[in-house]
Amino acid sequence: MPFKLLPLAGLAVAFPNLALADTVADRIAADMPGLMETYRDLHANPELSFQEVRSAAILAAAARKAGFTVTEKVGGTGVVAVLRNGAGPTVLIRADMDGLPVVEQTGLAFASKKRGVSTAGVESGIMHACGHDTHMTAWIETARLLAARKSEWSGTVVMIGQPGEEVGTGALAMLKDGLYTRFPKPDYTLAFHDTPELPAGQVSAAVGWALANVDSVDILVKGVGGHGAYPHMTKDPIVLASAIVMKLQTLVSREQNPRDPAVVTVGSFHAGAKHNVISDQAKLELTVRSYSDATRERLLDGIRRIARGEAIASGLPDDLMPVVSVKEPYTRATWNSPEFTQGAIADLKGKLGDSNVITGPSVMGGEDFGEFRRADVDHIQSTIFWVGGADPTKLAAAKAGGPPLPSLHSPYWAPQADKVIASGSAAITLTALRLLAKK
C-alpha cells in the first residue's frame, strides 16, 4: 500500500493512502501554521495548577467557534465543551492545562518568563515542562476536525480542558463539580500525553496498566536530642531514620513479586541544624508507586511496620514511635481498557502506518486521567496514548550511550511540537470517528 507524507516540512508521520486518514492529515497540515502560533502563545504563558484562567479561556473560545456548547469554571478552571450530533455513544476527550513551577532553560525564542506562586506557597518560574501546551493545541484541532466532519458521525463529543493534573486533583475536582451529572456521561474516554521516550510523532499505548498509583508519604521520626559529644544520653533520630531508609528498600527487593512492579523512593531527609547538636526529630518524604490497590495497601502497611519496628529495635518507648502520614487524595493508577486499547492500536496502525503506532510498556509515572474511568468502571472504556516528541536522531544516539535527552518536568524539555500536535490530534480524531461512525 502506498504511503502519503503529511505536506508539512519536517513532519515525519506517514499516513497510508486511505481516504479518511488522508483528509484528516491534509486538514491538520493546512491548520499547522495557526496551530503553532497557538502553541507558542500557550508555551510562553503557562499557568500553575488551578490558576489556568487564560489557558481555559483560549480553549473555550476555540470550542465555541467550532460549534460546541461550552461551560467554563467546572471544577475550578475546567472547561467542558459539548457537541451533540444525534443518537450514538458519547466520547470524552481530555487535555490537561497546567504548567509546572520550573524555570525554563530551553533557549526557545518563545520561552516562558512567567512567575507565580505554587500550591505549596513557593514563588518560582513557570514552564510547560510536561508538554501540556501541545495537548491543548491538539485538543483545539481535534474539536475543529470533529465539528467539520459532523456528517460522518453520530453521537456526542464531550471535550474537557482539565485543571490541576500536576497536583493530581483536577479530574476529581471536575467530577465532584458534576461532570457526569451536568453533562453527558461518556462511554469512552480518550487522551494523549507527549513523551521524550519515543521519536517525534510516533504513537504508543500500553494495554492494561498504563500509569501508576502515586502516594506521597511523610515519616516523622522522633528521638531524644542532646549534645553531639554525649550520644549515649540521647536517642538519635538520624541513626534511626537512616535505618528506616535502608530497610524500606527491602519492601520492593525482598517482599514484592518481581512481576508486579513497585517503587519506594525516599526523596527527602531533613534533620538537625548544627554540627554538635543531636536533634530530637528527623523528617522523611517518600514517593510510593504501584499499580493495583492491593499492592498499594501492602506497601503502605510495610512502611508503617518498618518505621515502628526499627524504632522498637532502637529502644524508643511507645510515645516516641514514628508518625507515618499518607497524603490524600493520592493519584490513582490509570488503566487502559485492554480490548478497547488493542482495537484502537490496530485501527491506528492501518491509518497512520504500522511503524508509527506501537504497543508500549506500563510506566511508573502518575496521571489522574484514570479517574474519569474509575467513576464508572463497569461502563466506561478508556485509553491514554503516548505521542513521541524527541528528535529521532538524538533519541537513537541517547539509546546508543550518547548524551541523555531531557525528561518530562525538565527545564530543558522542548518537544518537536508540530509532530506531537499533528500525531496527537490525528490519533484522537481518528479514534473518535471510529467510535462514533454511523452504523
Protein backbone atom coordinates (compact mmCIF):
# COMPACT_ATOMS: atom_id res chain seq x y z
CA MET A 1 0.00 0.00 0.00
CA PRO A 2 1.50 3.39 -0.94
CA PHE A 3 2.15 5.97 1.76
CA LYS A 4 1.48 9.66 1.76
CA LEU A 5 3.54 12.08 3.82
CA LEU A 6 1.84 14.97 5.50
CA PRO A 7 2.62 18.04 3.38
CA LEU A 8 4.41 19.81 6.23
CA ALA A 9 8.13 20.48 6.22
CA GLY A 10 9.97 18.14 8.56
CA LEU A 11 6.89 16.17 9.64
CA ALA A 12 7.86 12.50 9.74
CA VAL A 13 4.46 10.91 10.32
CA ALA A 14 3.35 8.88 7.29
CA PHE A 15 -0.27 8.06 6.55
CA PRO A 16 -1.33 5.20 4.27
CA ASN A 17 -3.36 6.31 1.30
CA LEU A 18 -6.73 5.87 2.98
CA ALA A 19 -9.37 8.49 2.30
CA LEU A 20 -10.17 9.28 5.94
CA ALA A 21 -6.57 9.46 7.13
CA ASP A 22 -5.59 11.48 4.08
CA THR A 23 -8.23 14.13 4.56
CA VAL A 24 -7.53 14.41 8.29
CA ALA A 25 -3.82 14.72 7.52
CA ASP A 26 -4.44 17.37 4.89
CA ARG A 27 -6.58 19.44 7.26
CA ILE A 28 -4.00 19.23 10.04
CA ALA A 29 -1.24 20.27 7.66
CA ALA A 30 -3.28 23.25 6.44
CA ASP A 31 -4.03 24.30 10.01
CA MET A 32 -0.49 23.80 11.33
CA PRO A 33 0.82 27.38 10.92
CA GLY A 34 -2.03 28.72 13.04
CA LEU A 35 -1.74 25.84 15.49
CA MET A 36 1.92 26.61 16.02
CA GLU A 37 1.05 30.22 16.78
CA THR A 38 -1.38 28.98 19.42
CA TYR A 39 1.21 26.55 20.77
CA ARG A 40 3.88 29.24 21.09
CA ASP A 41 1.42 31.53 22.87
CA LEU A 42 0.41 28.80 25.33
CA HIS A 43 4.05 27.85 25.89
CA ALA A 44 5.08 31.43 26.63
CA ASN A 45 2.17 31.94 29.03
CA PRO A 46 1.90 28.86 31.28
CA GLU A 47 -0.26 28.86 34.39
CA LEU A 48 0.06 26.80 37.55
CA SER A 49 -2.47 24.24 38.76
CA PHE A 50 -5.98 25.66 39.30
CA GLN A 51 -4.76 29.04 38.02
CA GLU A 52 -5.32 28.21 34.32
CA VAL A 53 -7.66 31.14 33.64
CA ARG A 54 -6.06 32.36 30.42
CA SER A 55 -5.48 28.86 29.04
CA ALA A 56 -9.07 27.87 29.78
CA ALA A 57 -10.37 30.97 28.00
CA ILE A 58 -8.36 30.08 24.88
CA LEU A 59 -9.79 26.54 24.81
CA ALA A 60 -13.32 27.76 25.49
CA ALA A 61 -13.18 30.34 22.70
CA ALA A 62 -11.83 27.82 20.18
CA ALA A 63 -14.51 25.24 21.05
CA ARG A 64 -17.30 27.82 20.80
CA LYS A 65 -16.03 28.93 17.41
CA ALA A 66 -16.08 25.28 16.27
CA GLY A 67 -19.74 24.97 17.29
CA PHE A 68 -19.55 23.37 20.73
CA THR A 69 -21.71 24.41 23.69
CA VAL A 70 -19.16 25.49 26.29
CA THR A 71 -19.29 25.71 30.08
CA GLU A 72 -16.42 27.25 31.99
CA LYS A 73 -15.24 27.12 35.61
CA VAL A 74 -16.08 23.43 36.10
CA GLY A 75 -14.03 22.09 38.99
CA GLY A 76 -12.31 25.44 39.34
CA THR A 77 -10.90 26.49 35.97
CA GLY A 78 -12.06 23.49 33.94
CA VAL A 79 -13.72 23.75 30.53
CA VAL A 80 -16.45 21.42 29.22
CA ALA A 81 -17.38 21.64 25.54
CA VAL A 82 -20.27 19.52 24.26
CA LEU A 83 -21.23 18.77 20.66
CA ARG A 84 -24.44 16.74 20.28
CA ASN A 85 -24.94 15.13 16.90
CA GLY A 86 -27.81 12.66 17.10
CA ALA A 87 -28.08 9.22 18.63
CA GLY A 88 -24.97 7.26 19.43
CA PRO A 89 -22.20 6.83 22.01
CA THR A 90 -20.58 9.61 24.00
CA VAL A 91 -16.84 10.14 23.69
CA LEU A 92 -14.94 12.27 26.23
CA ILE A 93 -11.65 13.83 25.10
CA ARG A 94 -9.38 15.41 27.68
CA ALA A 95 -6.47 17.83 27.59
CA ASP A 96 -4.69 18.97 30.76
CA MET A 97 -3.85 22.66 31.05
CA ASP A 98 -1.47 23.34 33.93
CA GLY A 99 2.23 24.14 33.85
CA LEU A 100 4.88 23.45 36.48
CA PRO A 101 6.88 25.59 38.94
CA VAL A 102 10.03 25.25 36.82
CA VAL A 103 12.36 27.95 35.48
CA GLU A 104 12.59 27.30 31.73
CA GLN A 105 16.06 26.80 30.26
CA THR A 106 15.25 25.59 26.74
CA GLY A 107 16.58 28.69 24.98
CA LEU A 108 13.47 28.85 22.79
CA ALA A 109 12.62 32.27 21.36
CA PHE A 110 9.19 31.95 22.96
CA ALA A 111 10.42 30.51 26.26
CA SER A 112 8.31 31.28 29.31
CA LYS A 113 9.36 34.12 31.55
CA LYS A 114 6.29 33.84 33.75
CA ARG A 115 6.50 33.53 37.52
CA GLY A 116 3.92 32.58 40.11
CA VAL A 117 3.23 31.01 43.49
CA SER A 118 2.53 27.27 43.59
CA THR A 119 0.02 25.47 45.79
CA ALA A 120 2.94 24.80 48.16
CA GLY A 121 3.35 28.57 48.59
CA VAL A 122 6.67 28.69 46.73
CA GLU A 123 7.37 31.54 44.31
CA SER A 124 9.00 30.25 41.14
CA GLY A 125 9.25 30.42 37.40
CA ILE A 126 6.51 28.63 35.44
CA MET A 127 7.02 26.34 32.46
CA HIS A 128 5.12 23.83 30.37
CA ALA A 129 7.80 21.30 31.23
CA CYS A 130 5.35 18.42 30.79
CA GLY A 131 4.08 19.42 27.36
CA HIS A 132 0.51 20.31 28.28
CA ASP A 133 0.75 23.15 25.75
CA THR A 134 0.94 20.54 22.97
CA HIS A 135 -2.03 18.72 24.49
CA MET A 136 -4.17 21.86 24.50
CA THR A 137 -3.23 22.79 20.95
CA ALA A 138 -4.07 19.29 19.68
CA TRP A 139 -7.36 19.48 21.64
CA ILE A 140 -8.29 22.62 19.72
CA GLU A 141 -7.52 20.96 16.38
CA THR A 142 -9.46 17.83 17.37
CA ALA A 143 -12.51 19.96 18.19
CA ARG A 144 -12.30 21.63 14.78
CA LEU A 145 -11.83 18.34 12.93
CA LEU A 146 -14.78 16.63 14.62
CA ALA A 147 -17.06 19.61 14.16
CA ALA A 148 -16.14 19.86 10.47
CA ARG A 149 -16.98 16.16 9.93
CA LYS A 150 -20.37 16.04 11.67
CA SER A 151 -21.95 14.45 8.61
CA GLU A 152 -19.74 11.38 9.12
CA TRP A 153 -20.61 10.52 12.71
CA SER A 154 -23.47 10.30 15.17
CA GLY A 155 -23.38 10.65 18.94
CA THR A 156 -21.97 13.15 21.41
CA VAL A 157 -18.49 14.53 21.91
CA VAL A 158 -17.55 15.97 25.31
CA MET A 159 -14.21 17.77 25.29
CA ILE A 160 -12.73 18.88 28.59
CA GLY A 161 -9.86 21.17 29.46
CA GLN A 162 -8.75 19.82 32.83
CA PRO A 163 -7.05 21.86 35.55
CA GLY A 164 -4.68 20.61 38.21
CA GLU A 165 -3.29 17.44 36.62
CA GLU A 166 0.15 18.16 38.05
CA VAL A 167 -1.20 18.12 41.59
CA GLY A 168 -3.32 15.04 40.89
CA THR A 169 -6.68 16.51 41.89
CA GLY A 170 -8.05 18.20 38.76
CA ALA A 171 -10.01 15.24 37.42
CA LEU A 172 -11.64 14.63 40.81
CA ALA A 173 -12.48 18.33 41.09
CA MET A 174 -14.35 18.23 37.78
CA LEU A 175 -16.15 15.01 38.69
CA LYS A 176 -17.18 16.42 42.07
CA ASP A 177 -18.49 19.52 40.29
CA GLY A 178 -20.95 17.40 38.32
CA LEU A 179 -19.02 16.41 35.19
CA TYR A 180 -21.12 13.24 34.81
CA THR A 181 -24.40 14.70 36.03
CA ARG A 182 -24.43 18.16 34.45
CA PHE A 183 -23.03 16.89 31.14
CA PRO A 184 -23.39 13.70 29.07
CA LYS A 185 -21.72 10.73 30.70
CA PRO A 186 -19.14 9.09 28.43
CA ASP A 187 -18.98 5.58 27.06
CA TYR A 188 -15.35 6.16 26.11
CA THR A 189 -12.62 8.44 27.43
CA LEU A 190 -9.57 9.43 25.36
CA ALA A 191 -6.41 11.45 25.98
CA PHE A 192 -2.76 11.56 24.98
CA HIS A 193 0.49 12.66 26.59
CA ASP A 194 3.72 13.69 24.93
CA THR A 195 6.89 11.78 25.79
CA PRO A 196 10.65 12.15 25.23
CA GLU A 197 10.99 8.36 25.09
CA LEU A 198 9.56 7.98 21.56
CA PRO A 199 10.64 9.54 18.26
CA ALA A 200 8.60 12.60 17.38
CA GLY A 201 5.19 11.69 16.01
CA GLN A 202 5.15 8.02 16.98
CA VAL A 203 2.03 6.91 18.87
CA SER A 204 2.05 4.30 21.62
CA ALA A 205 -0.36 2.85 24.17
CA ALA A 206 0.00 0.35 26.99
CA VAL A 207 -2.58 -2.42 27.32
CA GLY A 208 -3.91 -2.67 30.86
CA TRP A 209 -2.00 -0.69 33.47
CA ALA A 210 -0.73 2.49 31.83
CA LEU A 211 0.38 4.67 34.76
CA ALA A 212 0.84 4.05 38.45
CA ASN A 213 -0.69 4.86 41.80
CA VAL A 214 1.28 7.77 43.24
CA ASP A 215 1.41 8.16 47.02
CA SER A 216 3.28 10.85 48.94
CA VAL A 217 4.24 9.60 52.41
CA ASP A 218 5.77 11.58 55.28
CA ILE A 219 7.53 9.92 58.20
CA LEU A 220 8.22 11.95 61.34
CA VAL A 221 10.97 10.09 63.20
CA LYS A 222 11.15 11.06 66.86
CA GLY A 223 14.10 10.85 69.24
CA VAL A 224 15.70 12.35 72.31
CA GLY A 225 18.03 15.22 71.48
CA GLY A 226 21.20 16.28 73.17
CA HIS A 227 24.88 17.17 72.82
CA GLY A 228 26.80 15.59 69.97
CA ALA A 229 29.64 14.75 72.36
CA TYR A 230 27.34 12.65 74.56
CA PRO A 231 25.33 10.46 72.15
CA HIS A 232 24.81 7.83 74.86
CA MET A 233 22.45 10.26 76.59
CA THR A 234 20.24 10.63 73.51
CA LYS A 235 18.10 8.59 71.15
CA ASP A 236 19.48 9.75 67.83
CA PRO A 237 16.67 10.15 65.24
CA ILE A 238 19.18 10.46 62.37
CA VAL A 239 20.56 6.98 63.03
CA LEU A 240 17.02 5.61 63.37
CA ALA A 241 15.81 7.37 60.23
CA SER A 242 18.83 6.05 58.33
CA ALA A 243 17.96 2.51 59.40
CA ILE A 244 14.39 3.07 58.23
CA VAL A 245 15.59 4.32 54.85
CA MET A 246 17.74 1.24 54.29
CA LYS A 247 15.10 -1.21 55.49
CA LEU A 248 12.46 0.38 53.23
CA GLN A 249 14.43 -0.82 50.22
CA THR A 250 13.56 -4.41 51.11
CA LEU A 251 9.87 -3.75 50.55
CA VAL A 252 10.47 -3.96 46.82
CA SER A 253 13.63 -6.08 46.66
CA ARG A 254 12.52 -8.80 49.10
CA GLU A 255 8.76 -8.57 49.67
CA GLN A 256 7.36 -7.61 46.25
CA ASN A 257 6.73 -10.08 43.46
CA PRO A 258 9.21 -9.05 40.73
CA ARG A 259 6.43 -9.37 38.15
CA ASP A 260 4.38 -6.73 39.99
CA PRO A 261 6.44 -3.51 39.71
CA ALA A 262 6.66 -1.11 42.63
CA VAL A 263 8.81 1.82 43.71
CA VAL A 264 9.60 3.18 47.18
CA THR A 265 11.85 6.22 46.98
CA VAL A 266 12.96 8.45 49.85
CA GLY A 267 13.25 11.81 48.16
CA SER A 268 13.90 14.00 51.19
CA PHE A 269 15.68 13.55 54.53
CA HIS A 270 15.86 16.52 56.90
CA ALA A 271 17.23 16.55 60.44
CA GLY A 272 19.28 18.72 62.73
CA ALA A 273 20.59 22.27 62.49
CA LYS A 274 24.13 22.25 63.95
CA HIS A 275 27.29 20.13 63.94
CA ASN A 276 27.32 19.28 67.61
CA VAL A 277 23.60 19.01 68.38
CA ILE A 278 21.67 15.76 68.08
CA SER A 279 18.16 16.70 67.02
CA ASP A 280 15.01 15.32 68.58
CA GLN A 281 13.42 14.52 65.21
CA ALA A 282 14.06 13.71 61.56
CA LYS A 283 11.67 14.00 58.63
CA LEU A 284 11.49 11.70 55.62
CA GLU A 285 9.44 12.30 52.46
CA LEU A 286 8.70 9.35 50.20
CA THR A 287 7.10 8.73 46.83
CA VAL A 288 5.50 5.29 46.51
CA ARG A 289 4.42 3.84 43.15
CA SER A 290 2.29 0.77 42.46
CA TYR A 291 -0.44 -0.45 40.12
CA SER A 292 -3.09 -2.48 41.92
CA ASP A 293 -4.94 -1.32 45.02
CA ALA A 294 -3.81 -4.45 46.86
CA THR A 295 -0.13 -3.76 46.13
CA ARG A 296 -0.55 -0.16 47.23
CA GLU A 297 -2.00 -1.17 50.60
CA ARG A 298 0.73 -3.77 51.12
CA LEU A 299 3.45 -1.19 50.50
CA LEU A 300 1.89 1.40 52.79
CA ASP A 301 1.37 -1.18 55.54
CA GLY A 302 5.00 -2.25 55.11
CA ILE A 303 6.22 1.33 55.53
CA ARG A 304 4.29 1.66 58.79
CA ARG A 305 5.60 -1.72 60.03
CA ILE A 306 9.23 -0.94 59.21
CA ALA A 307 9.11 2.51 60.80
CA ARG A 308 7.65 1.13 64.03
CA GLY A 309 9.86 -1.96 64.04
CA GLU A 310 13.09 -0.03 63.64
CA ALA A 311 12.00 2.37 66.39
CA ILE A 312 11.38 -0.55 68.74
CA ALA A 313 14.77 -2.02 67.84
CA SER A 314 16.32 1.36 68.73
CA GLY A 315 14.77 1.25 72.17
CA LEU A 316 12.19 4.03 71.75
CA PRO A 317 9.11 3.98 74.01
CA ASP A 318 5.58 3.95 72.60
CA ASP A 319 5.15 7.69 72.94
CA LEU A 320 8.11 8.26 70.60
CA MET A 321 7.02 5.92 67.81
CA PRO A 322 7.39 7.38 64.28
CA VAL A 323 4.33 9.01 62.74
CA VAL A 324 3.59 7.89 59.17
CA SER A 325 1.27 10.15 57.18
CA VAL A 326 -0.12 9.31 53.74
CA LYS A 327 -1.20 12.35 51.75
CA GLU A 328 -4.78 12.37 50.49
CA PRO A 329 -6.07 12.33 47.87
CA TYR A 330 -3.47 10.27 46.08
CA THR A 331 -3.17 9.85 42.32
CA ARG A 332 -4.71 6.52 41.42
CA ALA A 333 -3.38 4.24 38.69
CA THR A 334 -4.59 4.67 35.11
CA TRP A 335 -5.96 1.60 33.35
CA ASN A 336 -6.21 1.28 29.57
CA SER A 337 -9.17 -1.00 28.83
CA PRO A 338 -7.40 -3.94 27.14
CA GLU A 339 -9.71 -4.91 24.27
CA PHE A 340 -10.60 -1.30 23.57
CA THR A 341 -6.95 -0.25 23.54
CA GLN A 342 -5.90 -3.15 21.33
CA GLY A 343 -8.65 -2.22 18.89
CA ALA A 344 -7.54 1.42 18.87
CA ILE A 345 -3.91 0.44 18.24
CA ALA A 346 -4.86 -1.91 15.38
CA ASP A 347 -7.07 0.72 13.76
CA LEU A 348 -4.43 3.44 14.00
CA LYS A 349 -1.77 1.13 12.60
CA GLY A 350 -3.91 0.79 9.50
CA LYS A 351 -4.41 4.54 9.19
CA LEU A 352 -1.15 6.05 10.43
CA GLY A 353 1.23 3.31 9.36
CA ASP A 354 2.38 0.19 11.14
CA SER A 355 5.71 1.61 12.31
CA ASN A 356 4.09 4.83 13.54
CA VAL A 357 1.85 3.10 16.11
CA ILE A 358 3.15 0.61 18.67
CA THR A 359 2.11 -1.15 21.85
CA GLY A 360 4.14 0.32 24.70
CA PRO A 361 5.02 -0.58 28.28
CA SER A 362 3.39 0.50 31.52
CA VAL A 363 5.25 3.29 33.33
CA MET A 364 5.60 4.37 36.94
CA GLY A 365 4.63 7.96 36.25
CA GLY A 366 1.29 9.24 37.53
CA GLU A 367 -1.76 10.69 35.77
CA ASP A 368 -5.19 11.49 37.14
CA PHE A 369 -6.84 10.82 33.75
CA GLY A 370 -7.75 7.38 35.13
CA GLU A 371 -10.32 8.98 37.44
CA PHE A 372 -12.67 9.52 34.51
CA ARG A 373 -12.91 5.74 34.00
CA ARG A 374 -12.90 4.91 37.70
CA ALA A 375 -16.07 6.97 38.14
CA ASP A 376 -17.91 4.10 36.39
CA VAL A 377 -15.53 1.20 35.82
CA ASP A 378 -18.29 -1.16 34.67
CA HIS A 379 -19.37 1.10 31.83
CA ILE A 380 -16.58 3.38 30.64
CA GLN A 381 -13.77 2.17 28.37
CA SER A 382 -10.62 4.26 28.35
CA THR A 383 -7.28 4.78 26.64
CA ILE A 384 -4.47 7.28 27.04
CA PHE A 385 -1.89 7.35 24.24
CA TRP A 386 1.72 8.43 24.35
CA VAL A 387 2.93 10.61 21.48
CA GLY A 388 6.66 10.92 20.89
CA GLY A 389 8.29 14.33 20.99
CA ALA A 390 12.02 13.50 20.76
CA ASP A 391 14.29 14.24 17.84
CA PRO A 392 14.74 10.74 16.32
CA THR A 393 18.47 11.21 15.69
CA LYS A 394 19.17 12.42 19.23
CA LEU A 395 16.96 9.70 20.70
CA ALA A 396 18.83 6.99 18.80
CA ALA A 397 22.14 8.47 19.94
CA ALA A 398 20.98 8.54 23.57
CA LYS A 399 19.89 4.89 23.39
CA ALA A 400 23.33 4.03 21.98
CA GLY A 401 25.04 5.54 25.02
CA GLY A 402 25.25 9.16 23.91
CA PRO A 403 24.09 12.27 25.76
CA PRO A 404 20.78 11.66 27.56
CA LEU A 405 17.70 13.60 26.49
CA PRO A 406 15.76 15.86 28.87
CA SER A 407 12.90 14.12 30.64
CA LEU A 408 9.40 15.36 31.29
CA HIS A 409 9.48 18.04 34.03
CA SER A 410 13.00 19.02 32.96
CA PRO A 411 13.67 22.75 32.42
CA TYR A 412 15.25 21.69 29.10
CA TRP A 413 12.32 19.66 27.71
CA ALA A 414 11.28 21.07 24.33
CA PRO A 415 9.39 18.53 22.21
CA GLN A 416 9.15 18.73 18.44
CA ALA A 417 5.80 20.36 18.93
CA ASP A 418 4.48 20.26 15.36
CA LYS A 419 4.85 16.49 15.23
CA VAL A 420 3.30 15.98 18.68
CA ILE A 421 0.34 18.18 17.78
CA ALA A 422 -0.17 16.55 14.37
CA SER A 423 0.04 12.96 15.62
CA GLY A 424 -1.88 13.64 18.83
CA SER A 425 -4.81 15.33 17.09
CA ALA A 426 -4.82 12.69 14.32
CA ALA A 427 -4.80 9.76 16.77
CA ILE A 428 -7.59 11.17 18.93
CA THR A 429 -9.70 12.34 15.99
CA LEU A 430 -9.44 9.09 14.05
CA THR A 431 -10.22 7.04 17.15
CA ALA A 432 -13.24 9.19 17.98
CA LEU A 433 -14.53 8.99 14.40
CA ARG A 434 -14.27 5.21 14.52
CA LEU A 435 -16.22 5.04 17.76
CA LEU A 436 -18.88 7.47 16.51
CA ALA A 437 -19.16 6.15 12.93
CA LYS A 438 -22.68 5.96 11.62
CA LYS A 439 -23.91 2.39 11.54
